């Protein structure tokens, strides 16, 4: 199993192999083996890799194309510039329309202003 995304993620962070290995507490040659596929990380190392790269283990293992960490996946951003989500929002069993979502945002914003 070659962790093909490791190199890409490391370069996005502008880290050298040595810097990445130091964060993991391993030798540079061990980390280089992870990137090349010559070595397999232990479960503990895989967890550390996902943590320092701020992604999920599933992304590292090519089981998902969503690079977000599990904590980021739990967050839903609702604002006027948001694209419609890939999932459906249901209220009382019925799908919310785009207009209803805009009304919801306006309601929450107004209520927040009144609290101040």
PDB file of N, CA and C in Angstrom:
ATOM      1  N   UNK A   1       0.849  -1.179   0.000  1.00  0.00           N
ATOM      2  CA  UNK A   1       0.000   0.000   0.000  1.00  0.00           C
ATOM      3  C   UNK A   1       0.891   1.237   0.000  1.00  0.00           C
ATOM      4  N   UNK A   2       0.776   2.029  -1.060  1.00  0.00           N
ATOM      5  CA  UNK A   2       1.533   3.271  -1.149  1.00  0.00           C
ATOM      6  C   UNK A   2       0.611   4.427  -0.781  1.00  0.00           C
ATOM      7  N   UNK A   3       1.066   5.244   0.142  1.00  0.00           N
ATOM      8  CA  UNK A   3       0.288   6.400   0.576  1.00  0.00           C
ATOM      9  C   UNK A   3       0.580   7.554  -0.378  1.00  0.00           C
ATOM     10  N   UNK A   4      -0.063   7.509  -1.531  1.00  0.00           N
ATOM     11  CA  UNK A   4       0.250   8.425  -2.625  1.00  0.00           C
ATOM     12  C   UNK A   4      -0.027   9.885  -2.294  1.00  0.00           C
ATOM     13  N   UNK A   5      -0.883  10.141  -1.347  1.00  0.00           N
ATOM     14  CA  UNK A   5      -1.246  11.532  -1.031  1.00  0.00           C
ATOM     15  C   UNK A   5      -0.292  12.198  -0.051  1.00  0.00           C
ATOM     16  N   UNK A   6       0.592  11.427   0.561  1.00  0.00           N
ATOM     17  CA  UNK A   6       1.496  12.001   1.550  1.00  0.00           C
ATOM     18  C   UNK A   6       2.382  13.087   0.954  1.00  0.00           C
ATOM     19  N   UNK A   7       2.974  12.820  -0.184  1.00  0.00           N
ATOM     20  CA  UNK A   7       3.869  13.795  -0.801  1.00  0.00           C
ATOM     21  C   UNK A   7       3.121  15.081  -1.109  1.00  0.00           C
ATOM     22  N   UNK A   8       1.945  14.950  -1.684  1.00  0.00           N
ATOM     23  CA  UNK A   8       1.126  16.119  -2.026  1.00  0.00           C
ATOM     24  C   UNK A   8       0.793  16.941  -0.785  1.00  0.00           C
ATOM     25  N   UNK A   9       0.354  16.278   0.280  1.00  0.00           N
ATOM     26  CA  UNK A   9      -0.009  16.981   1.508  1.00  0.00           C
ATOM     27  C   UNK A   9       1.208  17.656   2.142  1.00  0.00           C
ATOM     28  N   UNK A  10       2.339  16.955   2.162  1.00  0.00           N
ATOM     29  CA  UNK A  10       3.565  17.520   2.737  1.00  0.00           C
ATOM     30  C   UNK A  10       4.002  18.755   1.963  1.00  0.00           C
ATOM     31  N   UNK A  11       3.945  18.681   0.644  1.00  0.00           N
ATOM     32  CA  UNK A  11       4.369  19.821  -0.184  1.00  0.00           C
ATOM     33  C   UNK A  11       3.411  21.000  -0.049  1.00  0.00           C
ATOM     34  N   UNK A  12       2.123  20.722   0.132  1.00  0.00           N
ATOM     35  CA  UNK A  12       1.168  21.807   0.364  1.00  0.00           C
ATOM     36  C   UNK A  12       1.525  22.584   1.621  1.00  0.00           C
ATOM     37  N   UNK A  13       2.053  21.874   2.611  1.00  0.00           N
ATOM     38  CA  UNK A  13       2.438  22.507   3.870  1.00  0.00           C
ATOM     39  C   UNK A  13       3.845  23.095   3.799  1.00  0.00           C
ATOM     40  N   UNK A  14       4.536  22.852   2.678  1.00  0.00           N
ATOM     41  CA  UNK A  14       5.903  23.343   2.453  1.00  0.00           C
ATOM     42  C   UNK A  14       6.872  22.797   3.503  1.00  0.00           C
ATOM     43  N   UNK A  15       6.664  21.521   3.837  1.00  0.00           N
ATOM     44  CA  UNK A  15       7.541  20.839   4.777  1.00  0.00           C
ATOM     45  C   UNK A  15       8.524  19.969   4.011  1.00  0.00           C
ATOM     46  N   UNK A  16       9.727  19.848   4.554  1.00  0.00           N
ATOM     47  CA  UNK A  16      10.681  18.886   4.013  1.00  0.00           C
ATOM     48  C   UNK A  16      10.355  17.516   4.604  1.00  0.00           C
ATOM     49  N   UNK A  17      10.951  16.490   4.044  1.00  0.00           N
ATOM     50  CA  UNK A  17      10.762  15.150   4.623  1.00  0.00           C
ATOM     51  C   UNK A  17      11.294  15.120   6.049  1.00  0.00           C
ATOM     52  N   UNK A  18      12.416  15.814   6.272  1.00  0.00           N
ATOM     53  CA  UNK A  18      13.018  15.832   7.611  1.00  0.00           C
ATOM     54  C   UNK A  18      12.083  16.503   8.614  1.00  0.00           C
ATOM     55  N   UNK A  19      11.483  17.629   8.244  1.00  0.00           N
ATOM     56  CA  UNK A  19      10.566  18.328   9.140  1.00  0.00           C
ATOM     57  C   UNK A  19       9.358  17.443   9.473  1.00  0.00           C
ATOM     58  N   UNK A  20       8.861  16.749   8.472  1.00  0.00           N
ATOM     59  CA  UNK A  20       7.708  15.872   8.693  1.00  0.00           C
ATOM     60  C   UNK A  20       8.094  14.713   9.601  1.00  0.00           C
ATOM     61  N   UNK A  21       9.238  14.106   9.319  1.00  0.00           N
ATOM     62  CA  UNK A  21       9.717  12.990  10.148  1.00  0.00           C
ATOM     63  C   UNK A  21       9.927  13.432  11.595  1.00  0.00           C
ATOM     64  N   UNK A  22      10.472  14.637  11.787  1.00  0.00           N
ATOM     65  CA  UNK A  22      10.685  15.152  13.144  1.00  0.00           C
ATOM     66  C   UNK A  22       9.369  15.293  13.897  1.00  0.00           C
ATOM     67  N   UNK A  23       8.324  15.755  13.212  1.00  0.00           N
ATOM     68  CA  UNK A  23       7.023  15.897  13.863  1.00  0.00           C
ATOM     69  C   UNK A  23       6.445  14.543  14.267  1.00  0.00           C
ATOM     70  N   UNK A  24       6.781  13.524  13.497  1.00  0.00           N
ATOM     71  CA  UNK A  24       6.297  12.174  13.789  1.00  0.00           C
ATOM     72  C   UNK A  24       7.182  11.436  14.792  1.00  0.00           C
ATOM     73  N   UNK A  25       8.387  11.972  15.018  1.00  0.00           N
ATOM     74  CA  UNK A  25       9.337  11.317  15.925  1.00  0.00           C
ATOM     75  C   UNK A  25       9.961  10.078  15.312  1.00  0.00           C
ATOM     76  N   UNK A  26      10.175  10.118  13.985  1.00  0.00           N
ATOM     77  CA  UNK A  26      10.774   8.979  13.281  1.00  0.00           C
ATOM     78  C   UNK A  26      11.943   9.476  12.434  1.00  0.00           C
ATOM     79  N   UNK A  27      12.716   8.538  11.909  1.00  0.00           N
ATOM     80  CA  UNK A  27      13.841   8.888  11.042  1.00  0.00           C
ATOM     81  C   UNK A  27      13.333   9.351   9.678  1.00  0.00           C
ATOM     82  N   UNK A  28      14.104  10.217   9.049  1.00  0.00           N
ATOM     83  CA  UNK A  28      13.733  10.702   7.709  1.00  0.00           C
ATOM     84  C   UNK A  28      13.602   9.531   6.743  1.00  0.00           C
ATOM     85  N   UNK A  29      14.493   8.549   6.845  1.00  0.00           N
ATOM     86  CA  UNK A  29      14.450   7.400   5.932  1.00  0.00           C
ATOM     87  C   UNK A  29      13.158   6.592   6.115  1.00  0.00           C
ATOM     88  N   UNK A  30      12.669   6.525   7.344  1.00  0.00           N
ATOM     89  CA  UNK A  30      11.412   5.823   7.601  1.00  0.00           C
ATOM     90  C   UNK A  30      10.259   6.567   6.930  1.00  0.00           C
ATOM     91  N   UNK A  31      10.248   7.888   7.101  1.00  0.00           N
ATOM     92  CA  UNK A  31       9.188   8.673   6.467  1.00  0.00           C
ATOM     93  C   UNK A  31       9.280   8.572   4.944  1.00  0.00           C
ATOM     94  N   UNK A  32      10.469   8.656   4.405  1.00  0.00           N
ATOM     95  CA  UNK A  32      10.651   8.546   2.950  1.00  0.00           C
ATOM     96  C   UNK A  32      10.100   7.209   2.455  1.00  0.00           C
ATOM     97  N   UNK A  33      10.268   6.171   3.275  1.00  0.00           N
ATOM     98  CA  UNK A  33       9.717   4.860   2.928  1.00  0.00           C
ATOM     99  C   UNK A  33       8.200   4.868   2.867  1.00  0.00           C
ATOM    100  N   UNK A  34       7.559   5.676   3.732  1.00  0.00           N
ATOM    101  CA  UNK A  34       6.099   5.801   3.683  1.00  0.00           C
ATOM    102  C   UNK A  34       5.672   6.418   2.360  1.00  0.00           C
ATOM    103  N   UNK A  35       6.361   7.483   1.958  1.00  0.00           N
ATOM    104  CA  UNK A  35       5.988   8.173   0.716  1.00  0.00           C
ATOM    105  C   UNK A  35       6.230   7.298  -0.515  1.00  0.00           C
ATOM    106  N   UNK A  36       7.297   6.531  -0.477  1.00  0.00           N
ATOM    107  CA  UNK A  36       7.627   5.708  -1.650  1.00  0.00           C
ATOM    108  C   UNK A  36       6.845   4.397  -1.696  1.00  0.00           C
ATOM    109  N   UNK A  37       6.294   4.000  -0.558  1.00  0.00           N
ATOM    110  CA  UNK A  37       5.584   2.731  -0.489  1.00  0.00           C
ATOM    111  C   UNK A  37       6.470   1.577  -0.051  1.00  0.00           C
ATOM    112  N   UNK A  38       7.735   1.876   0.210  1.00  0.00           N
ATOM    113  CA  UNK A  38       8.669   0.842   0.651  1.00  0.00           C
ATOM    114  C   UNK A  38       8.351   0.371   2.069  1.00  0.00           C
ATOM    115  N   UNK A  39       7.848   1.288   2.895  1.00  0.00           N
ATOM    116  CA  UNK A  39       7.499   0.958   4.276  1.00  0.00           C
ATOM    117  C   UNK A  39       6.020   1.229   4.521  1.00  0.00           C
ATOM    118  N   UNK A  40       5.455   0.497   5.474  1.00  0.00           N
ATOM    119  CA  UNK A  40       4.073   0.682   5.890  1.00  0.00           C
ATOM    120  C   UNK A  40       4.073   1.303   7.287  1.00  0.00           C
ATOM    121  N   UNK A  41       3.355   2.409   7.495  1.00  0.00           N
ATOM    122  CA  UNK A  41       3.309   2.981   8.842  1.00  0.00           C
ATOM    123  C   UNK A  41       2.474   2.110   9.772  1.00  0.00           C
ATOM    124  N   UNK A  42       2.842   2.142  11.038  1.00  0.00           N
ATOM    125  CA  UNK A  42       2.027   1.465  12.046  1.00  0.00           C
ATOM    126  C   UNK A  42       0.719   2.230  12.189  1.00  0.00           C
ATOM    127  N   UNK A  43      -0.224   1.652  12.895  1.00  0.00           N
ATOM    128  CA  UNK A  43      -1.498   2.332  13.124  1.00  0.00           C
ATOM    129  C   UNK A  43      -1.270   3.645  13.865  1.00  0.00           C
ATOM    130  N   UNK A  44      -0.398   3.633  14.875  1.00  0.00           N
ATOM    131  CA  UNK A  44      -0.099   4.866  15.610  1.00  0.00           C
ATOM    132  C   UNK A  44       0.496   5.927  14.689  1.00  0.00           C
ATOM    133  N   UNK A  45       1.399   5.510  13.805  1.00  0.00           N
ATOM    134  CA  UNK A  45       2.011   6.466  12.877  1.00  0.00           C
ATOM    135  C   UNK A  45       0.990   6.997  11.882  1.00  0.00           C
ATOM    136  N   UNK A  46       0.083   6.142  11.446  1.00  0.00           N
ATOM    137  CA  UNK A  46      -0.967   6.565  10.521  1.00  0.00           C
ATOM    138  C   UNK A  46      -1.873   7.616  11.170  1.00  0.00           C
ATOM    139  N   UNK A  47      -2.190   7.418  12.434  1.00  0.00           N
ATOM    140  CA  UNK A  47      -2.996   8.388  13.176  1.00  0.00           C
ATOM    141  C   UNK A  47      -2.246   9.709  13.288  1.00  0.00           C
ATOM    142  N   UNK A  48      -0.957   9.635  13.633  1.00  0.00           N
ATOM    143  CA  UNK A  48      -0.149  10.864  13.732  1.00  0.00           C
ATOM    144  C   UNK A  48      -0.045  11.570  12.394  1.00  0.00           C
ATOM    145  N   UNK A  49       0.124  10.797  11.320  1.00  0.00           N
ATOM    146  CA  UNK A  49       0.199  11.394   9.986  1.00  0.00           C
ATOM    147  C   UNK A  49      -1.075  12.160   9.664  1.00  0.00           C
ATOM    148  N   UNK A  50      -2.207  11.546   9.907  1.00  0.00           N
ATOM    149  CA  UNK A  50      -3.486  12.208   9.627  1.00  0.00           C
ATOM    150  C   UNK A  50      -3.630  13.466  10.482  1.00  0.00           C
ATOM    151  N   UNK A  51      -3.205  13.395  11.730  1.00  0.00           N
ATOM    152  CA  UNK A  51      -3.320  14.553  12.619  1.00  0.00           C
ATOM    153  C   UNK A  51      -2.449  15.713  12.154  1.00  0.00           C
ATOM    154  N   UNK A  52      -1.178  15.445  11.854  1.00  0.00           N
ATOM    155  CA  UNK A  52      -0.300  16.562  11.472  1.00  0.00           C
ATOM    156  C   UNK A  52      -0.643  17.108  10.088  1.00  0.00           C
ATOM    157  N   UNK A  53      -1.209  16.268   9.231  1.00  0.00           N
ATOM    158  CA  UNK A  53      -1.604  16.717   7.898  1.00  0.00           C
ATOM    159  C   UNK A  53      -3.009  17.320   7.899  1.00  0.00           C
ATOM    160  N   UNK A  54      -3.675  17.264   9.069  1.00  0.00           N
ATOM    161  CA  UNK A  54      -5.034  17.785   9.224  1.00  0.00           C
ATOM    162  C   UNK A  54      -5.984  17.179   8.186  1.00  0.00           C
ATOM    163  N   UNK A  55      -5.965  15.868   8.132  1.00  0.00           N
ATOM    164  CA  UNK A  55      -6.830  15.140   7.208  1.00  0.00           C
ATOM    165  C   UNK A  55      -7.306  13.865   7.894  1.00  0.00           C
ATOM    166  N   UNK A  56      -7.981  13.027   7.172  1.00  0.00           N
ATOM    167  CA  UNK A  56      -8.466  11.772   7.748  1.00  0.00           C
ATOM    168  C   UNK A  56      -7.591  10.608   7.290  1.00  0.00           C
ATOM    169  N   UNK A  57      -7.617   9.557   8.050  1.00  0.00           N
ATOM    170  CA  UNK A  57      -6.914   8.338   7.666  1.00  0.00           C
ATOM    171  C   UNK A  57      -7.501   7.801   6.369  1.00  0.00           C
ATOM    172  N   UNK A  58      -8.813   7.888   6.219  1.00  0.00           N
ATOM    173  CA  UNK A  58      -9.454   7.422   4.986  1.00  0.00           C
ATOM    174  C   UNK A  58      -8.911   8.160   3.764  1.00  0.00           C
ATOM    175  N   UNK A  59      -8.637   9.458   3.895  1.00  0.00           N
ATOM    176  CA  UNK A  59      -8.075  10.219   2.771  1.00  0.00           C
ATOM    177  C   UNK A  59      -6.661   9.718   2.463  1.00  0.00           C
ATOM    178  N   UNK A  60      -5.869   9.486   3.504  1.00  0.00           N
ATOM    179  CA  UNK A  60      -4.512   8.985   3.290  1.00  0.00           C
ATOM    180  C   UNK A  60      -4.516   7.622   2.602  1.00  0.00           C
ATOM    181  N   UNK A  61      -5.520   6.811   2.907  1.00  0.00           N
ATOM    182  CA  UNK A  61      -5.600   5.452   2.356  1.00  0.00           C
ATOM    183  C   UNK A  61      -6.396   5.385   1.049  1.00  0.00           C
ATOM    184  N   UNK A  62      -6.744   6.553   0.500  1.00  0.00           N
ATOM    185  CA  UNK A  62      -7.505   6.635  -0.756  1.00  0.00           C
ATOM    186  C   UNK A  62      -8.895   6.004  -0.654  1.00  0.00           C
ATOM    187  N   UNK A  63      -9.472   6.035   0.546  1.00  0.00           N
ATOM    188  CA  UNK A  63     -10.825   5.494   0.724  1.00  0.00           C
ATOM    189  C   UNK A  63     -11.879   6.581   0.541  1.00  0.00           C
ATOM    190  N   UNK A  64     -11.439   7.842   0.489  1.00  0.00           N
ATOM    191  CA  UNK A  64     -12.327   8.969   0.243  1.00  0.00           C
ATOM    192  C   UNK A  64     -11.543  10.036  -0.504  1.00  0.00           C
ATOM    193  N   UNK A  65     -12.246  10.881  -1.222  1.00  0.00           N
ATOM    194  CA  UNK A  65     -11.603  12.000  -1.900  1.00  0.00           C
ATOM    195  C   UNK A  65     -11.785  13.300  -1.132  1.00  0.00           C
ATOM    196  N   UNK A  66     -12.375  13.222   0.053  1.00  0.00           N
ATOM    197  CA  UNK A  66     -12.595  14.390   0.895  1.00  0.00           C
ATOM    198  C   UNK A  66     -11.402  14.541   1.843  1.00  0.00           C
ATOM    199  N   UNK A  67     -10.562  15.562   1.615  1.00  0.00           N
ATOM    200  CA  UNK A  67      -9.350  15.696   2.427  1.00  0.00           C
ATOM    201  C   UNK A  67      -9.580  16.287   3.817  1.00  0.00           C
ATOM    202  N   UNK A  68     -10.808  16.720   4.111  1.00  0.00           N
ATOM    203  CA  UNK A  68     -11.042  17.359   5.401  1.00  0.00           C
ATOM    204  C   UNK A  68     -10.854  16.384   6.553  1.00  0.00           C
ATOM    205  N   UNK A  69     -10.391  16.933   7.671  1.00  0.00           N
ATOM    206  CA  UNK A  69     -10.264  16.116   8.874  1.00  0.00           C
ATOM    207  C   UNK A  69     -11.656  15.808   9.405  1.00  0.00           C
ATOM    208  N   UNK A  70     -11.781  14.784  10.232  1.00  0.00           N
ATOM    209  CA  UNK A  70     -13.107  14.454  10.781  1.00  0.00           C
ATOM    210  C   UNK A  70     -13.752  15.632  11.513  1.00  0.00           C
ATOM    211  N   UNK A  71     -12.965  16.452  12.215  1.00  0.00           N
ATOM    212  CA  UNK A  71     -13.537  17.603  12.911  1.00  0.00           C
ATOM    213  C   UNK A  71     -14.118  18.606  11.923  1.00  0.00           C
ATOM    214  N   UNK A  72     -13.416  18.834  10.803  1.00  0.00           N
ATOM    215  CA  UNK A  72     -13.916  19.764   9.794  1.00  0.00           C
ATOM    216  C   UNK A  72     -15.155  19.215   9.103  1.00  0.00           C
ATOM    217  N   UNK A  73     -15.268  17.905   8.991  1.00  0.00           N
ATOM    218  CA  UNK A  73     -16.419  17.303   8.316  1.00  0.00           C
ATOM    219  C   UNK A  73     -17.693  17.472   9.135  1.00  0.00           C
ATOM    220  N   UNK A  74     -17.545  17.686  10.438  1.00  0.00           N
ATOM    221  CA  UNK A  74     -18.708  17.838  11.295  1.00  0.00           C
ATOM    222  C   UNK A  74     -19.288  19.247  11.213  1.00  0.00           C
ATOM    223  N   UNK A  75     -18.528  20.185  10.670  1.00  0.00           N
ATOM    224  CA  UNK A  75     -18.956  21.569  10.609  1.00  0.00           C
ATOM    225  C   UNK A  75     -19.713  21.831   9.304  1.00  0.00           C
ATOM    226  N   UNK A  76     -20.783  22.578   9.419  1.00  0.00           N
ATOM    227  CA  UNK A  76     -21.548  22.990   8.246  1.00  0.00           C
ATOM    228  C   UNK A  76     -21.506  24.513   8.202  1.00  0.00           C
ATOM    229  N   UNK A  77     -21.035  25.070   7.119  1.00  0.00           N
ATOM    230  CA  UNK A  77     -20.967  26.512   6.955  1.00  0.00           C
ATOM    231  C   UNK A  77     -22.183  26.970   6.165  1.00  0.00           C
ATOM    232  N   UNK A  78     -22.984  27.810   6.782  1.00  0.00           N
ATOM    233  CA  UNK A  78     -24.154  28.369   6.101  1.00  0.00           C
ATOM    234  C   UNK A  78     -23.970  29.880   6.005  1.00  0.00           C
ATOM    235  N   UNK A  79     -23.827  30.365   4.809  1.00  0.00           N
ATOM    236  CA  UNK A  79     -23.818  31.804   4.566  1.00  0.00           C
ATOM    237  C   UNK A  79     -24.307  32.048   3.146  1.00  0.00           C
ATOM    238  N   UNK A  80     -24.416  33.309   2.781  1.00  0.00           N
ATOM    239  CA  UNK A  80     -24.981  33.637   1.475  1.00  0.00           C
ATOM    240  C   UNK A  80     -24.121  33.160   0.317  1.00  0.00           C
ATOM    241  N   UNK A  81     -22.830  32.969   0.561  1.00  0.00           N
ATOM    242  CA  UNK A  81     -21.943  32.544  -0.522  1.00  0.00           C
ATOM    243  C   UNK A  81     -21.793  31.027  -0.598  1.00  0.00           C
ATOM    244  N   UNK A  82     -22.398  30.309   0.352  1.00  0.00           N
ATOM    245  CA  UNK A  82     -22.275  28.848   0.361  1.00  0.00           C
ATOM    246  C   UNK A  82     -22.910  28.240  -0.875  1.00  0.00           C
ATOM    247  N   UNK A  83     -22.253  27.235  -1.395  1.00  0.00           N
ATOM    248  CA  UNK A  83     -22.849  26.451  -2.468  1.00  0.00           C
ATOM    249  C   UNK A  83     -23.877  25.517  -1.836  1.00  0.00           C
ATOM    250  N   UNK A  84     -24.876  25.124  -2.586  1.00  0.00           N
ATOM    251  CA  UNK A  84     -25.824  24.156  -2.019  1.00  0.00           C
ATOM    252  C   UNK A  84     -25.071  22.901  -1.564  1.00  0.00           C
ATOM    253  N   UNK A  85     -25.399  22.392  -0.401  1.00  0.00           N
ATOM    254  CA  UNK A  85     -24.687  21.212   0.096  1.00  0.00           C
ATOM    255  C   UNK A  85     -24.955  19.986  -0.771  1.00  0.00           C
ATOM    256  N   UNK A  86     -24.060  19.011  -0.649  1.00  0.00           N
ATOM    257  CA  UNK A  86     -24.219  17.750  -1.374  1.00  0.00           C
ATOM    258  C   UNK A  86     -25.327  16.900  -0.763  1.00  0.00           C
ATOM    259  N   UNK A  87     -25.823  17.314   0.356  1.00  0.00           N
ATOM    260  CA  UNK A  87     -26.870  16.571   1.036  1.00  0.00           C
ATOM    261  C   UNK A  87     -28.092  17.461   1.175  1.00  0.00           C
ATOM    262  N   UNK A  88     -29.155  16.859   1.587  1.00  0.00           N
ATOM    263  CA  UNK A  88     -30.434  17.556   1.653  1.00  0.00           C
ATOM    264  C   UNK A  88     -30.748  17.938   3.092  1.00  0.00           C
ATOM    265  N   UNK A  89     -31.226  19.157   3.296  1.00  0.00           N
ATOM    266  CA  UNK A  89     -31.678  19.591   4.608  1.00  0.00           C
ATOM    267  C   UNK A  89     -33.187  19.407   4.648  1.00  0.00           C
ATOM    268  N   UNK A  90     -33.650  18.673   5.656  1.00  0.00           N
ATOM    269  CA  UNK A  90     -35.081  18.409   5.774  1.00  0.00           C
ATOM    270  C   UNK A  90     -35.612  19.067   7.042  1.00  0.00           C
ATOM    271  N   UNK A  91     -36.766  19.681   6.910  1.00  0.00           N
ATOM    272  CA  UNK A  91     -37.452  20.284   8.050  1.00  0.00           C
ATOM    273  C   UNK A  91     -38.836  19.663   8.104  1.00  0.00           C
ATOM    274  N   UNK A  92     -39.134  19.029   9.215  1.00  0.00           N
ATOM    275  CA  UNK A  92     -40.410  18.321   9.379  1.00  0.00           C
ATOM    276  C   UNK A  92     -40.647  17.321   8.250  1.00  0.00           C
ATOM    277  N   UNK A  93     -39.602  16.687   7.806  1.00  0.00           N
ATOM    278  CA  UNK A  93     -39.709  15.641   6.795  1.00  0.00           C
ATOM    279  C   UNK A  93     -39.677  16.122   5.358  1.00  0.00           C
ATOM    280  N   UNK A  94     -39.760  17.428   5.124  1.00  0.00           N
ATOM    281  CA  UNK A  94     -39.763  17.958   3.753  1.00  0.00           C
ATOM    282  C   UNK A  94     -38.441  18.666   3.469  1.00  0.00           C
ATOM    283  N   UNK A  95     -37.953  18.512   2.262  1.00  0.00           N
ATOM    284  CA  UNK A  95     -36.705  19.149   1.867  1.00  0.00           C
ATOM    285  C   UNK A  95     -36.849  20.665   1.899  1.00  0.00           C
ATOM    286  N   UNK A  96     -35.862  21.339   2.487  1.00  0.00           N
ATOM    287  CA  UNK A  96     -35.866  22.799   2.529  1.00  0.00           C
ATOM    288  C   UNK A  96     -35.462  23.345   1.164  1.00  0.00           C
ATOM    289  N   UNK A  97     -36.165  24.369   0.738  1.00  0.00           N
ATOM    290  CA  UNK A  97     -35.828  25.013  -0.535  1.00  0.00           C
ATOM    291  C   UNK A  97     -34.697  26.011  -0.298  1.00  0.00           C
ATOM    292  N   UNK A  98     -34.112  26.478  -1.384  1.00  0.00           N
ATOM    293  CA  UNK A  98     -33.049  27.477  -1.266  1.00  0.00           C
ATOM    294  C   UNK A  98     -33.588  28.758  -0.624  1.00  0.00           C
ATOM    295  N   UNK A  99     -34.809  29.145  -0.993  1.00  0.00           N
ATOM    296  CA  UNK A  99     -35.432  30.332  -0.384  1.00  0.00           C
ATOM    297  C   UNK A  99     -35.626  30.147   1.122  1.00  0.00           C
ATOM    298  N   UNK A 100     -36.027  28.949   1.532  1.00  0.00           N
ATOM    299  CA  UNK A 100     -36.208  28.686   2.964  1.00  0.00           C
ATOM    300  C   UNK A 100     -34.885  28.767   3.711  1.00  0.00           C
ATOM    301  N   UNK A 101     -33.821  28.301   3.082  1.00  0.00           N
ATOM    302  CA  UNK A 101     -32.509  28.387   3.723  1.00  0.00           C
ATOM    303  C   UNK A 101     -32.079  29.843   3.863  1.00  0.00           C
ATOM    304  N   UNK A 102     -32.342  30.665   2.851  1.00  0.00           N
ATOM    305  CA  UNK A 102     -32.031  32.102   2.945  1.00  0.00           C
ATOM    306  C   UNK A 102     -32.873  32.751   4.042  1.00  0.00           C
ATOM    307  N   UNK A 103     -34.139  32.372   4.140  1.00  0.00           N
ATOM    308  CA  UNK A 103     -35.009  32.895   5.203  1.00  0.00           C
ATOM    309  C   UNK A 103     -34.484  32.483   6.572  1.00  0.00           C
ATOM    310  N   UNK A 104     -34.020  31.259   6.672  1.00  0.00           N
ATOM    311  CA  UNK A 104     -33.467  30.763   7.933  1.00  0.00           C
ATOM    312  C   UNK A 104     -32.261  31.599   8.342  1.00  0.00           C
ATOM    313  N   UNK A 105     -31.356  31.860   7.402  1.00  0.00           N
ATOM    314  CA  UNK A 105     -30.181  32.679   7.700  1.00  0.00           C
ATOM    315  C   UNK A 105     -30.594  34.081   8.146  1.00  0.00           C
ATOM    316  N   UNK A 106     -31.560  34.672   7.459  1.00  0.00           N
ATOM    317  CA  UNK A 106     -32.025  36.013   7.815  1.00  0.00           C
ATOM    318  C   UNK A 106     -32.629  36.017   9.223  1.00  0.00           C
ATOM    319  N   UNK A 107     -33.392  34.981   9.548  1.00  0.00           N
ATOM    320  CA  UNK A 107     -34.001  34.876  10.868  1.00  0.00           C
ATOM    321  C   UNK A 107     -32.932  34.814  11.960  1.00  0.00           C
ATOM    322  N   UNK A 108     -31.958  33.958  11.776  1.00  0.00           N
ATOM    323  CA  UNK A 108     -30.903  33.794  12.789  1.00  0.00           C
ATOM    324  C   UNK A 108     -30.104  35.089  12.939  1.00  0.00           C
ATOM    325  N   UNK A 109     -29.786  35.740  11.837  1.00  0.00           N
ATOM    326  CA  UNK A 109     -29.032  37.003  11.906  1.00  0.00           C
ATOM    327  C   UNK A 109     -29.835  38.074  12.652  1.00  0.00           C
ATOM    328  N   UNK A 110     -31.110  38.174  12.366  1.00  0.00           N
ATOM    329  CA  UNK A 110     -31.957  39.160  13.030  1.00  0.00           C
ATOM    330  C   UNK A 110     -32.035  38.873  14.524  1.00  0.00           C
ATOM    331  N   UNK A 111     -32.231  37.625  14.860  1.00  0.00           N
ATOM    332  CA  UNK A 111     -32.332  37.236  16.272  1.00  0.00           C
ATOM    333  C   UNK A 111     -31.022  37.553  17.011  1.00  0.00           C
ATOM    334  N   UNK A 112     -29.897  37.313  16.377  1.00  0.00           N
ATOM    335  CA  UNK A 112     -28.602  37.641  16.992  1.00  0.00           C
ATOM    336  C   UNK A 112     -28.447  39.140  17.218  1.00  0.00           C
ATOM    337  N   UNK A 113     -28.890  39.932  16.240  1.00  0.00           N
ATOM    338  CA  UNK A 113     -28.796  41.393  16.386  1.00  0.00           C
ATOM    339  C   UNK A 113     -29.659  41.889  17.539  1.00  0.00           C
ATOM    340  N   UNK A 114     -30.815  41.286  17.703  1.00  0.00           N
ATOM    341  CA  UNK A 114     -31.721  41.704  18.776  1.00  0.00           C
ATOM    342  C   UNK A 114     -31.142  41.372  20.160  1.00  0.00           C
ATOM    343  N   UNK A 115     -30.324  40.360  20.241  1.00  0.00           N
ATOM    344  CA  UNK A 115     -29.705  39.969  21.521  1.00  0.00           C
ATOM    345  C   UNK A 115     -28.626  40.950  21.944  1.00  0.00           C
ATOM    346  N   UNK A 116     -28.044  41.652  21.003  1.00  0.00           N
ATOM    347  CA  UNK A 116     -26.926  42.557  21.334  1.00  0.00           C
ATOM    348  C   UNK A 116     -27.360  43.811  21.997  1.00  0.00           C
TER     349      UNK A 116
END
